[in-house]
């Protein structure tokens, strides 16, 4: 299977979120939000991988939409963590990464829908 930039980005994002989560736990704060974040953020790449092996074009697009939803949810949790003011140094970087992935997923969905 040919590697794609999107696959690489989602895998790196998931790894970055796992590290972020481990650092978040060191704050000894309520980790409910961080748990939600790790679930949604690691699901982006998982759904992208499922899309790659979809049974049909419709299945492919459906899985990309799920990845997009998970990405949007991750963005929400990251922005909430930032707004709460936990002052974790790489939140801005993670927000930027997530926004880039979101834009790539939207473009991929639009491309898949327009191709015959």
PDB file of N, CA and C in Angstrom:
ATOM      1  N   UNK A   1       0.833  -1.179   0.000  1.00  0.00           N
ATOM      2  CA  UNK A   1       0.000   0.000   0.000  1.00  0.00           C
ATOM      3  C   UNK A   1       0.878   1.243   0.000  1.00  0.00           C
ATOM      4  N   UNK A   2       0.524   2.194  -0.830  1.00  0.00           N
ATOM      5  CA  UNK A   2       1.267   3.436  -0.944  1.00  0.00           C
ATOM      6  C   UNK A   2       0.997   4.318   0.278  1.00  0.00           C
ATOM      7  N   UNK A   3       2.043   4.842   0.863  1.00  0.00           N
ATOM      8  CA  UNK A   3       1.891   5.737   2.007  1.00  0.00           C
ATOM      9  C   UNK A   3       1.378   7.082   1.523  1.00  0.00           C
ATOM     10  N   UNK A   4       0.568   7.722   2.360  1.00  0.00           N
ATOM     11  CA  UNK A   4       0.076   9.047   2.023  1.00  0.00           C
ATOM     12  C   UNK A   4       0.469  10.026   3.124  1.00  0.00           C
ATOM     13  N   UNK A   5       0.505  11.280   2.766  1.00  0.00           N
ATOM     14  CA  UNK A   5       0.818  12.328   3.731  1.00  0.00           C
ATOM     15  C   UNK A   5      -0.241  12.344   4.830  1.00  0.00           C
ATOM     16  N   UNK A   6      -1.494  12.156   4.449  1.00  0.00           N
ATOM     17  CA  UNK A   6      -2.575  12.165   5.430  1.00  0.00           C
ATOM     18  C   UNK A   6      -2.429  11.025   6.434  1.00  0.00           C
ATOM     19  N   UNK A   7      -2.095   9.833   5.951  1.00  0.00           N
ATOM     20  CA  UNK A   7      -1.865   8.706   6.865  1.00  0.00           C
ATOM     21  C   UNK A   7      -0.720   9.032   7.830  1.00  0.00           C
ATOM     22  N   UNK A   8       0.364   9.565   7.291  1.00  0.00           N
ATOM     23  CA  UNK A   8       1.510   9.920   8.134  1.00  0.00           C
ATOM     24  C   UNK A   8       1.140  10.968   9.170  1.00  0.00           C
ATOM     25  N   UNK A   9       0.387  11.989   8.740  1.00  0.00           N
ATOM     26  CA  UNK A   9      -0.005  13.070   9.650  1.00  0.00           C
ATOM     27  C   UNK A   9      -0.923  12.571  10.763  1.00  0.00           C
ATOM     28  N   UNK A  10      -1.864  11.703  10.424  1.00  0.00           N
ATOM     29  CA  UNK A  10      -2.779  11.210  11.455  1.00  0.00           C
ATOM     30  C   UNK A  10      -2.068  10.309  12.449  1.00  0.00           C
ATOM     31  N   UNK A  11      -1.113   9.523  11.971  1.00  0.00           N
ATOM     32  CA  UNK A  11      -0.338   8.678  12.880  1.00  0.00           C
ATOM     33  C   UNK A  11       0.530   9.530  13.804  1.00  0.00           C
ATOM     34  N   UNK A  12       1.181  10.544  13.244  1.00  0.00           N
ATOM     35  CA  UNK A  12       2.013  11.435  14.061  1.00  0.00           C
ATOM     36  C   UNK A  12       1.157  12.206  15.062  1.00  0.00           C
ATOM     37  N   UNK A  13      -0.011  12.662  14.618  1.00  0.00           N
ATOM     38  CA  UNK A  13      -0.916  13.384  15.506  1.00  0.00           C
ATOM     39  C   UNK A  13      -1.339  12.494  16.677  1.00  0.00           C
ATOM     40  N   UNK A  14      -1.688  11.254  16.394  1.00  0.00           N
ATOM     41  CA  UNK A  14      -2.076  10.318  17.456  1.00  0.00           C
ATOM     42  C   UNK A  14      -0.921  10.131  18.444  1.00  0.00           C
ATOM     43  N   UNK A  15       0.291   9.969  17.930  1.00  0.00           N
ATOM     44  CA  UNK A  15       1.460   9.808  18.806  1.00  0.00           C
ATOM     45  C   UNK A  15       1.678  11.063  19.652  1.00  0.00           C
ATOM     46  N   UNK A  16       1.513  12.230  19.038  1.00  0.00           N
ATOM     47  CA  UNK A  16       1.669  13.488  19.774  1.00  0.00           C
ATOM     48  C   UNK A  16       0.607  13.624  20.862  1.00  0.00           C
ATOM     49  N   UNK A  17      -0.596  13.179  20.578  1.00  0.00           N
ATOM     50  CA  UNK A  17      -1.681  13.239  21.559  1.00  0.00           C
ATOM     51  C   UNK A  17      -1.414  12.283  22.719  1.00  0.00           C
ATOM     52  N   UNK A  18      -0.880  11.111  22.442  1.00  0.00           N
ATOM     53  CA  UNK A  18      -0.543  10.166  23.513  1.00  0.00           C
ATOM     54  C   UNK A  18       0.490  10.802  24.450  1.00  0.00           C
ATOM     55  N   UNK A  19       1.500  11.429  23.880  1.00  0.00           N
ATOM     56  CA  UNK A  19       2.514  12.119  24.703  1.00  0.00           C
ATOM     57  C   UNK A  19       1.887  13.273  25.481  1.00  0.00           C
ATOM     58  N   UNK A  20       1.007  14.029  24.817  1.00  0.00           N
ATOM     59  CA  UNK A  20       0.302  15.131  25.458  1.00  0.00           C
ATOM     60  C   UNK A  20      -0.511  14.612  26.653  1.00  0.00           C
ATOM     61  N   UNK A  21      -1.208  13.504  26.453  1.00  0.00           N
ATOM     62  CA  UNK A  21      -2.030  12.899  27.497  1.00  0.00           C
ATOM     63  C   UNK A  21      -1.174  12.517  28.705  1.00  0.00           C
ATOM     64  N   UNK A  22      -0.026  11.914  28.428  1.00  0.00           N
ATOM     65  CA  UNK A  22       0.872  11.531  29.523  1.00  0.00           C
ATOM     66  C   UNK A  22       1.330  12.760  30.311  1.00  0.00           C
ATOM     67  N   UNK A  23       1.626  13.858  29.613  1.00  0.00           N
ATOM     68  CA  UNK A  23       2.016  15.107  30.285  1.00  0.00           C
ATOM     69  C   UNK A  23       0.839  15.722  31.034  1.00  0.00           C
ATOM     70  N   UNK A  24      -0.351  15.614  30.461  1.00  0.00           N
ATOM     71  CA  UNK A  24      -1.548  16.131  31.108  1.00  0.00           C
ATOM     72  C   UNK A  24      -1.770  15.438  32.449  1.00  0.00           C
ATOM     73  N   UNK A  25      -1.557  14.132  32.486  1.00  0.00           N
ATOM     74  CA  UNK A  25      -1.759  13.378  33.726  1.00  0.00           C
ATOM     75  C   UNK A  25      -0.839  13.870  34.846  1.00  0.00           C
ATOM     76  N   UNK A  26       0.325  14.385  34.484  1.00  0.00           N
ATOM     77  CA  UNK A  26       1.260  14.903  35.481  1.00  0.00           C
ATOM     78  C   UNK A  26       0.739  16.165  36.167  1.00  0.00           C
ATOM     79  N   UNK A  27      -0.235  16.840  35.555  1.00  0.00           N
ATOM     80  CA  UNK A  27      -0.805  18.056  36.147  1.00  0.00           C
ATOM     81  C   UNK A  27      -1.682  17.759  37.361  1.00  0.00           C
ATOM     82  N   UNK A  28      -2.086  16.497  37.487  1.00  0.00           N
ATOM     83  CA  UNK A  28      -2.968  16.076  38.583  1.00  0.00           C
ATOM     84  C   UNK A  28      -4.299  16.851  38.563  1.00  0.00           C
ATOM     85  N   UNK A  29      -4.796  17.115  37.351  1.00  0.00           N
ATOM     86  CA  UNK A  29      -6.090  17.768  37.160  1.00  0.00           C
ATOM     87  C   UNK A  29      -7.103  16.705  36.740  1.00  0.00           C
ATOM     88  N   UNK A  30      -8.377  17.078  36.757  1.00  0.00           N
ATOM     89  CA  UNK A  30      -9.409  16.177  36.263  1.00  0.00           C
ATOM     90  C   UNK A  30      -9.083  15.829  34.812  1.00  0.00           C
ATOM     91  N   UNK A  31      -8.976  14.551  34.515  1.00  0.00           N
ATOM     92  CA  UNK A  31      -8.549  14.147  33.179  1.00  0.00           C
ATOM     93  C   UNK A  31      -9.689  13.690  32.277  1.00  0.00           C
ATOM     94  N   UNK A  32     -10.911  14.039  32.613  1.00  0.00           N
ATOM     95  CA  UNK A  32     -12.062  13.654  31.793  1.00  0.00           C
ATOM     96  C   UNK A  32     -11.921  14.176  30.367  1.00  0.00           C
ATOM     97  N   UNK A  33     -11.558  15.445  30.237  1.00  0.00           N
ATOM     98  CA  UNK A  33     -11.405  16.059  28.918  1.00  0.00           C
ATOM     99  C   UNK A  33     -10.268  15.385  28.151  1.00  0.00           C
ATOM    100  N   UNK A  34      -9.165  15.124  28.830  1.00  0.00           N
ATOM    101  CA  UNK A  34      -8.009  14.500  28.179  1.00  0.00           C
ATOM    102  C   UNK A  34      -8.343  13.090  27.700  1.00  0.00           C
ATOM    103  N   UNK A  35      -9.154  12.372  28.470  1.00  0.00           N
ATOM    104  CA  UNK A  35      -9.570  11.031  28.043  1.00  0.00           C
ATOM    105  C   UNK A  35     -10.424  11.108  26.774  1.00  0.00           C
ATOM    106  N   UNK A  36     -11.320  12.087  26.723  1.00  0.00           N
ATOM    107  CA  UNK A  36     -12.139  12.279  25.528  1.00  0.00           C
ATOM    108  C   UNK A  36     -11.245  12.591  24.330  1.00  0.00           C
ATOM    109  N   UNK A  37     -10.249  13.453  24.566  1.00  0.00           N
ATOM    110  CA  UNK A  37      -9.322  13.844  23.502  1.00  0.00           C
ATOM    111  C   UNK A  37      -8.549  12.646  22.967  1.00  0.00           C
ATOM    112  N   UNK A  38      -8.007  11.829  23.838  1.00  0.00           N
ATOM    113  CA  UNK A  38      -7.191  10.701  23.363  1.00  0.00           C
ATOM    114  C   UNK A  38      -8.049   9.712  22.569  1.00  0.00           C
ATOM    115  N   UNK A  39      -9.301   9.535  22.972  1.00  0.00           N
ATOM    116  CA  UNK A  39     -10.189   8.631  22.227  1.00  0.00           C
ATOM    117  C   UNK A  39     -10.465   9.163  20.820  1.00  0.00           C
ATOM    118  N   UNK A  40     -10.839  10.439  20.751  1.00  0.00           N
ATOM    119  CA  UNK A  40     -11.200  10.990  19.433  1.00  0.00           C
ATOM    120  C   UNK A  40      -9.975  11.153  18.538  1.00  0.00           C
ATOM    121  N   UNK A  41      -8.868  11.612  19.102  1.00  0.00           N
ATOM    122  CA  UNK A  41      -7.674  11.883  18.299  1.00  0.00           C
ATOM    123  C   UNK A  41      -7.051  10.612  17.728  1.00  0.00           C
ATOM    124  N   UNK A  42      -7.054   9.541  18.494  1.00  0.00           N
ATOM    125  CA  UNK A  42      -6.481   8.293  17.976  1.00  0.00           C
ATOM    126  C   UNK A  42      -7.437   7.608  17.004  1.00  0.00           C
ATOM    127  N   UNK A  43      -8.699   7.975  17.062  1.00  0.00           N
ATOM    128  CA  UNK A  43      -9.692   7.397  16.158  1.00  0.00           C
ATOM    129  C   UNK A  43      -9.607   7.961  14.741  1.00  0.00           C
ATOM    130  N   UNK A  44      -9.024   9.136  14.593  1.00  0.00           N
ATOM    131  CA  UNK A  44      -8.926   9.754  13.264  1.00  0.00           C
ATOM    132  C   UNK A  44      -8.164   8.836  12.304  1.00  0.00           C
ATOM    133  N   UNK A  45      -6.963   8.478  12.678  1.00  0.00           N
ATOM    134  CA  UNK A  45      -6.131   7.618  11.838  1.00  0.00           C
ATOM    135  C   UNK A  45      -6.698   6.222  11.684  1.00  0.00           C
ATOM    136  N   UNK A  46      -7.323   5.717  12.757  1.00  0.00           N
ATOM    137  CA  UNK A  46      -7.928   4.383  12.680  1.00  0.00           C
ATOM    138  C   UNK A  46      -9.031   4.356  11.626  1.00  0.00           C
ATOM    139  N   UNK A  47      -9.861   5.385  11.605  1.00  0.00           N
ATOM    140  CA  UNK A  47     -10.935   5.447  10.598  1.00  0.00           C
ATOM    141  C   UNK A  47     -10.390   5.693   9.202  1.00  0.00           C
ATOM    142  N   UNK A  48      -9.326   6.464   9.105  1.00  0.00           N
ATOM    143  CA  UNK A  48      -8.681   6.666   7.806  1.00  0.00           C
ATOM    144  C   UNK A  48      -8.150   5.333   7.273  1.00  0.00           C
ATOM    145  N   UNK A  49      -7.542   4.539   8.142  1.00  0.00           N
ATOM    146  CA  UNK A  49      -7.052   3.221   7.718  1.00  0.00           C
ATOM    147  C   UNK A  49      -8.203   2.311   7.304  1.00  0.00           C
ATOM    148  N   UNK A  50      -9.313   2.368   8.025  1.00  0.00           N
ATOM    149  CA  UNK A  50     -10.483   1.583   7.635  1.00  0.00           C
ATOM    150  C   UNK A  50     -10.997   2.026   6.267  1.00  0.00           C
ATOM    151  N   UNK A  51     -10.981   3.336   6.031  1.00  0.00           N
ATOM    152  CA  UNK A  51     -11.447   3.860   4.739  1.00  0.00           C
ATOM    153  C   UNK A  51     -10.616   3.305   3.598  1.00  0.00           C
ATOM    154  N   UNK A  52      -9.329   3.192   3.828  1.00  0.00           N
ATOM    155  CA  UNK A  52      -8.413   2.698   2.799  1.00  0.00           C
ATOM    156  C   UNK A  52      -8.813   1.309   2.319  1.00  0.00           C
ATOM    157  N   UNK A  53      -9.388   0.519   3.207  1.00  0.00           N
ATOM    158  CA  UNK A  53      -9.778  -0.840   2.852  1.00  0.00           C
ATOM    159  C   UNK A  53     -11.301  -0.998   2.804  1.00  0.00           C
ATOM    160  N   UNK A  54     -11.986   0.099   2.492  1.00  0.00           N
ATOM    161  CA  UNK A  54     -13.440   0.073   2.400  1.00  0.00           C
ATOM    162  C   UNK A  54     -13.925  -0.852   1.300  1.00  0.00           C
ATOM    163  N   UNK A  55     -15.141  -1.325   1.466  1.00  0.00           N
ATOM    164  CA  UNK A  55     -15.732  -2.261   0.504  1.00  0.00           C
ATOM    165  C   UNK A  55     -16.212  -1.583  -0.769  1.00  0.00           C
ATOM    166  N   UNK A  56     -16.455  -0.292  -0.677  1.00  0.00           N
ATOM    167  CA  UNK A  56     -16.984   0.443  -1.821  1.00  0.00           C
ATOM    168  C   UNK A  56     -16.591   1.902  -1.687  1.00  0.00           C
ATOM    169  N   UNK A  57     -16.888   2.656  -2.743  1.00  0.00           N
ATOM    170  CA  UNK A  57     -16.621   4.099  -2.694  1.00  0.00           C
ATOM    171  C   UNK A  57     -17.456   4.740  -1.588  1.00  0.00           C
ATOM    172  N   UNK A  58     -18.705   4.319  -1.455  1.00  0.00           N
ATOM    173  CA  UNK A  58     -19.584   4.856  -0.414  1.00  0.00           C
ATOM    174  C   UNK A  58     -19.026   4.544   0.974  1.00  0.00           C
ATOM    175  N   UNK A  59     -18.502   3.348   1.162  1.00  0.00           N
ATOM    176  CA  UNK A  59     -17.901   2.958   2.441  1.00  0.00           C
ATOM    177  C   UNK A  59     -16.657   3.805   2.719  1.00  0.00           C
ATOM    178  N   UNK A  60     -15.852   4.011   1.676  1.00  0.00           N
ATOM    179  CA  UNK A  60     -14.650   4.845   1.778  1.00  0.00           C
ATOM    180  C   UNK A  60     -15.014   6.251   2.249  1.00  0.00           C
ATOM    181  N   UNK A  61     -15.993   6.841   1.594  1.00  0.00           N
ATOM    182  CA  UNK A  61     -16.422   8.208   1.935  1.00  0.00           C
ATOM    183  C   UNK A  61     -17.016   8.249   3.342  1.00  0.00           C
ATOM    184  N   UNK A  62     -17.781   7.240   3.690  1.00  0.00           N
ATOM    185  CA  UNK A  62     -18.391   7.175   5.023  1.00  0.00           C
ATOM    186  C   UNK A  62     -17.327   7.150   6.118  1.00  0.00           C
ATOM    187  N   UNK A  63     -16.294   6.347   5.921  1.00  0.00           N
ATOM    188  CA  UNK A  63     -15.207   6.268   6.913  1.00  0.00           C
ATOM    189  C   UNK A  63     -14.429   7.578   6.987  1.00  0.00           C
ATOM    190  N   UNK A  64     -14.259   8.244   5.845  1.00  0.00           N
ATOM    191  CA  UNK A  64     -13.596   9.552   5.859  1.00  0.00           C
ATOM    192  C   UNK A  64     -14.432  10.562   6.646  1.00  0.00           C
ATOM    193  N   UNK A  65     -15.754  10.474   6.511  1.00  0.00           N
ATOM    194  CA  UNK A  65     -16.629  11.361   7.277  1.00  0.00           C
ATOM    195  C   UNK A  65     -16.506  11.093   8.776  1.00  0.00           C
ATOM    196  N   UNK A  66     -16.396   9.837   9.151  1.00  0.00           N
ATOM    197  CA  UNK A  66     -16.218   9.505  10.572  1.00  0.00           C
ATOM    198  C   UNK A  66     -14.886  10.066  11.066  1.00  0.00           C
ATOM    199  N   UNK A  67     -13.837   9.931  10.270  1.00  0.00           N
ATOM    200  CA  UNK A  67     -12.532  10.487  10.643  1.00  0.00           C
ATOM    201  C   UNK A  67     -12.633  12.004  10.806  1.00  0.00           C
ATOM    202  N   UNK A  68     -13.385  12.650   9.916  1.00  0.00           N
ATOM    203  CA  UNK A  68     -13.579  14.093  10.001  1.00  0.00           C
ATOM    204  C   UNK A  68     -14.327  14.477  11.280  1.00  0.00           C
ATOM    205  N   UNK A  69     -15.353  13.716  11.629  1.00  0.00           N
ATOM    206  CA  UNK A  69     -16.085  13.980  12.873  1.00  0.00           C
ATOM    207  C   UNK A  69     -15.161  13.849  14.082  1.00  0.00           C
ATOM    208  N   UNK A  70     -14.345  12.813  14.093  1.00  0.00           N
ATOM    209  CA  UNK A  70     -13.409  12.606  15.205  1.00  0.00           C
ATOM    210  C   UNK A  70     -12.386  13.737  15.266  1.00  0.00           C
ATOM    211  N   UNK A  71     -11.978  14.200  14.112  1.00  0.00           N
ATOM    212  CA  UNK A  71     -11.031  15.309  14.030  1.00  0.00           C
ATOM    213  C   UNK A  71     -11.659  16.581  14.599  1.00  0.00           C
ATOM    214  N   UNK A  72     -12.895  16.840  14.217  1.00  0.00           N
ATOM    215  CA  UNK A  72     -13.607  18.019  14.730  1.00  0.00           C
ATOM    216  C   UNK A  72     -13.784  17.931  16.241  1.00  0.00           C
ATOM    217  N   UNK A  73     -14.086  16.749  16.731  1.00  0.00           N
ATOM    218  CA  UNK A  73     -14.221  16.554  18.175  1.00  0.00           C
ATOM    219  C   UNK A  73     -12.882  16.799  18.874  1.00  0.00           C
ATOM    220  N   UNK A  74     -11.813  16.286  18.302  1.00  0.00           N
ATOM    221  CA  UNK A  74     -10.477  16.492  18.883  1.00  0.00           C
ATOM    222  C   UNK A  74     -10.136  17.969  18.957  1.00  0.00           C
ATOM    223  N   UNK A  75     -10.468  18.677  17.910  1.00  0.00           N
ATOM    224  CA  UNK A  75     -10.223  20.121  17.864  1.00  0.00           C
ATOM    225  C   UNK A  75     -10.987  20.828  18.989  1.00  0.00           C
ATOM    226  N   UNK A  76     -12.210  20.408  19.207  1.00  0.00           N
ATOM    227  CA  UNK A  76     -13.012  20.977  20.290  1.00  0.00           C
ATOM    228  C   UNK A  76     -12.327  20.759  21.643  1.00  0.00           C
ATOM    229  N   UNK A  77     -11.907  19.521  21.915  1.00  0.00           N
ATOM    230  CA  UNK A  77     -11.281  19.230  23.215  1.00  0.00           C
ATOM    231  C   UNK A  77      -9.978  20.005  23.383  1.00  0.00           C
ATOM    232  N   UNK A  78      -9.199  20.107  22.329  1.00  0.00           N
ATOM    233  CA  UNK A  78      -7.942  20.863  22.414  1.00  0.00           C
ATOM    234  C   UNK A  78      -8.215  22.339  22.710  1.00  0.00           C
ATOM    235  N   UNK A  79      -9.211  22.898  22.034  1.00  0.00           N
ATOM    236  CA  UNK A  79      -9.541  24.306  22.271  1.00  0.00           C
ATOM    237  C   UNK A  79     -10.090  24.509  23.683  1.00  0.00           C
ATOM    238  N   UNK A  80     -10.842  23.551  24.176  1.00  0.00           N
ATOM    239  CA  UNK A  80     -11.355  23.634  25.539  1.00  0.00           C
ATOM    240  C   UNK A  80     -10.212  23.574  26.556  1.00  0.00           C
ATOM    241  N   UNK A  81      -9.282  22.667  26.359  1.00  0.00           N
ATOM    242  CA  UNK A  81      -8.107  22.572  27.239  1.00  0.00           C
ATOM    243  C   UNK A  81      -7.345  23.886  27.229  1.00  0.00           C
ATOM    244  N   UNK A  82      -7.192  24.470  26.053  1.00  0.00           N
ATOM    245  CA  UNK A  82      -6.502  25.753  25.940  1.00  0.00           C
ATOM    246  C   UNK A  82      -7.288  26.851  26.673  1.00  0.00           C
ATOM    247  N   UNK A  83      -8.595  26.870  26.492  1.00  0.00           N
ATOM    248  CA  UNK A  83      -9.446  27.905  27.097  1.00  0.00           C
ATOM    249  C   UNK A  83      -9.477  27.798  28.623  1.00  0.00           C
ATOM    250  N   UNK A  84      -9.458  26.573  29.131  1.00  0.00           N
ATOM    251  CA  UNK A  84      -9.465  26.367  30.583  1.00  0.00           C
ATOM    252  C   UNK A  84      -8.180  26.926  31.203  1.00  0.00           C
ATOM    253  N   UNK A  85      -7.120  26.967  30.426  1.00  0.00           N
ATOM    254  CA  UNK A  85      -5.882  27.582  30.894  1.00  0.00           C
ATOM    255  C   UNK A  85      -4.958  26.655  31.660  1.00  0.00           C
ATOM    256  N   UNK A  86      -4.893  25.395  31.240  1.00  0.00           N
ATOM    257  CA  UNK A  86      -3.973  24.472  31.890  1.00  0.00           C
ATOM    258  C   UNK A  86      -2.513  24.767  31.563  1.00  0.00           C
ATOM    259  N   UNK A  87      -2.289  25.638  30.599  1.00  0.00           N
ATOM    260  CA  UNK A  87      -0.930  26.080  30.232  1.00  0.00           C
ATOM    261  C   UNK A  87       0.004  24.925  29.882  1.00  0.00           C
ATOM    262  N   UNK A  88      -0.477  24.044  29.035  1.00  0.00           N
ATOM    263  CA  UNK A  88       0.377  22.977  28.515  1.00  0.00           C
ATOM    264  C   UNK A  88       0.988  23.521  27.235  1.00  0.00           C
ATOM    265  N   UNK A  89       2.303  23.479  27.150  1.00  0.00           N
ATOM    266  CA  UNK A  89       3.022  24.245  26.134  1.00  0.00           C
ATOM    267  C   UNK A  89       2.708  23.944  24.684  1.00  0.00           C
ATOM    268  N   UNK A  90       2.350  22.730  24.310  1.00  0.00           N
ATOM    269  CA  UNK A  90       2.183  22.441  22.881  1.00  0.00           C
ATOM    270  C   UNK A  90       0.734  22.361  22.420  1.00  0.00           C
ATOM    271  N   UNK A  91      -0.189  22.910  23.178  1.00  0.00           N
ATOM    272  CA  UNK A  91      -1.597  22.876  22.772  1.00  0.00           C
ATOM    273  C   UNK A  91      -1.792  23.601  21.439  1.00  0.00           C
ATOM    274  N   UNK A  92      -1.170  24.754  21.279  1.00  0.00           N
ATOM    275  CA  UNK A  92      -1.306  25.509  20.024  1.00  0.00           C
ATOM    276  C   UNK A  92      -0.808  24.709  18.830  1.00  0.00           C
ATOM    277  N   UNK A  93       0.288  24.006  19.004  1.00  0.00           N
ATOM    278  CA  UNK A  93       0.837  23.166  17.931  1.00  0.00           C
ATOM    279  C   UNK A  93      -0.130  22.045  17.582  1.00  0.00           C
ATOM    280  N   UNK A  94      -0.716  21.422  18.598  1.00  0.00           N
ATOM    281  CA  UNK A  94      -1.672  20.336  18.360  1.00  0.00           C
ATOM    282  C   UNK A  94      -2.933  20.852  17.675  1.00  0.00           C
ATOM    283  N   UNK A  95      -3.388  22.033  18.055  1.00  0.00           N
ATOM    284  CA  UNK A  95      -4.550  22.637  17.393  1.00  0.00           C
ATOM    285  C   UNK A  95      -4.241  22.860  15.914  1.00  0.00           C
ATOM    286  N   UNK A  96      -3.069  23.376  15.627  1.00  0.00           N
ATOM    287  CA  UNK A  96      -2.665  23.616  14.237  1.00  0.00           C
ATOM    288  C   UNK A  96      -2.597  22.296  13.453  1.00  0.00           C
ATOM    289  N   UNK A  97      -1.989  21.270  14.054  1.00  0.00           N
ATOM    290  CA  UNK A  97      -1.910  19.954  13.405  1.00  0.00           C
ATOM    291  C   UNK A  97      -3.308  19.432  13.092  1.00  0.00           C
ATOM    292  N   UNK A  98      -4.192  19.548  14.064  1.00  0.00           N
ATOM    293  CA  UNK A  98      -5.551  19.039  13.913  1.00  0.00           C
ATOM    294  C   UNK A  98      -6.295  19.799  12.817  1.00  0.00           C
ATOM    295  N   UNK A  99      -6.120  21.103  12.766  1.00  0.00           N
ATOM    296  CA  UNK A  99      -6.764  21.901  11.719  1.00  0.00           C
ATOM    297  C   UNK A  99      -6.249  21.528  10.328  1.00  0.00           C
ATOM    298  N   UNK A 100      -4.958  21.220  10.228  1.00  0.00           N
ATOM    299  CA  UNK A 100      -4.383  20.788   8.946  1.00  0.00           C
ATOM    300  C   UNK A 100      -4.981  19.453   8.515  1.00  0.00           C
ATOM    301  N   UNK A 101      -5.094  18.533   9.459  1.00  0.00           N
ATOM    302  CA  UNK A 101      -5.682  17.218   9.157  1.00  0.00           C
ATOM    303  C   UNK A 101      -7.138  17.383   8.741  1.00  0.00           C
ATOM    304  N   UNK A 102      -7.862  18.241   9.444  1.00  0.00           N
ATOM    305  CA  UNK A 102      -9.267  18.490   9.112  1.00  0.00           C
ATOM    306  C   UNK A 102      -9.403  18.997   7.681  1.00  0.00           C
ATOM    307  N   UNK A 103      -8.574  19.952   7.304  1.00  0.00           N
ATOM    308  CA  UNK A 103      -8.615  20.497   5.941  1.00  0.00           C
ATOM    309  C   UNK A 103      -8.294  19.408   4.916  1.00  0.00           C
ATOM    310  N   UNK A 104      -7.331  18.556   5.207  1.00  0.00           N
ATOM    311  CA  UNK A 104      -6.965  17.473   4.291  1.00  0.00           C
ATOM    312  C   UNK A 104      -8.105  16.456   4.155  1.00  0.00           C
ATOM    313  N   UNK A 105      -8.773  16.156   5.261  1.00  0.00           N
ATOM    314  CA  UNK A 105      -9.897  15.223   5.210  1.00  0.00           C
ATOM    315  C   UNK A 105     -11.046  15.797   4.384  1.00  0.00           C
ATOM    316  N   UNK A 106     -11.338  17.068   4.575  1.00  0.00           N
ATOM    317  CA  UNK A 106     -12.398  17.708   3.788  1.00  0.00           C
ATOM    318  C   UNK A 106     -12.061  17.648   2.304  1.00  0.00           C
ATOM    319  N   UNK A 107     -10.817  17.958   1.974  1.00  0.00           N
ATOM    320  CA  UNK A 107     -10.392  17.900   0.569  1.00  0.00           C
ATOM    321  C   UNK A 107     -10.499  16.471   0.025  1.00  0.00           C
ATOM    322  N   UNK A 108     -10.091  15.490   0.823  1.00  0.00           N
ATOM    323  CA  UNK A 108     -10.169  14.083   0.390  1.00  0.00           C
ATOM    324  C   UNK A 108     -11.611  13.660   0.154  1.00  0.00           C
ATOM    325  N   UNK A 109     -12.514  14.073   1.047  1.00  0.00           N
ATOM    326  CA  UNK A 109     -13.935  13.738   0.885  1.00  0.00           C
ATOM    327  C   UNK A 109     -14.486  14.371  -0.386  1.00  0.00           C
ATOM    328  N   UNK A 110     -14.183  15.641  -0.587  1.00  0.00           N
ATOM    329  CA  UNK A 110     -14.673  16.332  -1.792  1.00  0.00           C
ATOM    330  C   UNK A 110     -14.124  15.697  -3.058  1.00  0.00           C
ATOM    331  N   UNK A 111     -12.855  15.318  -3.039  1.00  0.00           N
ATOM    332  CA  UNK A 111     -12.241  14.658  -4.199  1.00  0.00           C
ATOM    333  C   UNK A 111     -12.906  13.312  -4.462  1.00  0.00           C
ATOM    334  N   UNK A 112     -13.110  12.548  -3.403  1.00  0.00           N
ATOM    335  CA  UNK A 112     -13.740  11.220  -3.554  1.00  0.00           C
ATOM    336  C   UNK A 112     -15.166  11.342  -4.090  1.00  0.00           C
ATOM    337  N   UNK A 113     -15.888  12.340  -3.620  1.00  0.00           N
ATOM    338  CA  UNK A 113     -17.264  12.535  -4.071  1.00  0.00           C
ATOM    339  C   UNK A 113     -17.340  12.977  -5.524  1.00  0.00           C
ATOM    340  N   UNK A 114     -16.356  13.748  -5.967  1.00  0.00           N
ATOM    341  CA  UNK A 114     -16.398  14.280  -7.341  1.00  0.00           C
ATOM    342  C   UNK A 114     -15.818  13.329  -8.380  1.00  0.00           C
ATOM    343  N   UNK A 115     -15.059  12.323  -7.942  1.00  0.00           N
ATOM    344  CA  UNK A 115     -14.470  11.383  -8.911  1.00  0.00           C
ATOM    345  C   UNK A 115     -15.481  10.314  -9.290  1.00  0.00           C
ATOM    346  N   UNK A 116     -15.358   9.872 -10.513  1.00  0.00           N
ATOM    347  CA  UNK A 116     -16.296   8.826 -10.985  1.00  0.00           C
ATOM    348  C   UNK A 116     -15.632   7.506 -11.153  1.00  0.00           C
TER     349      UNK A 116
END
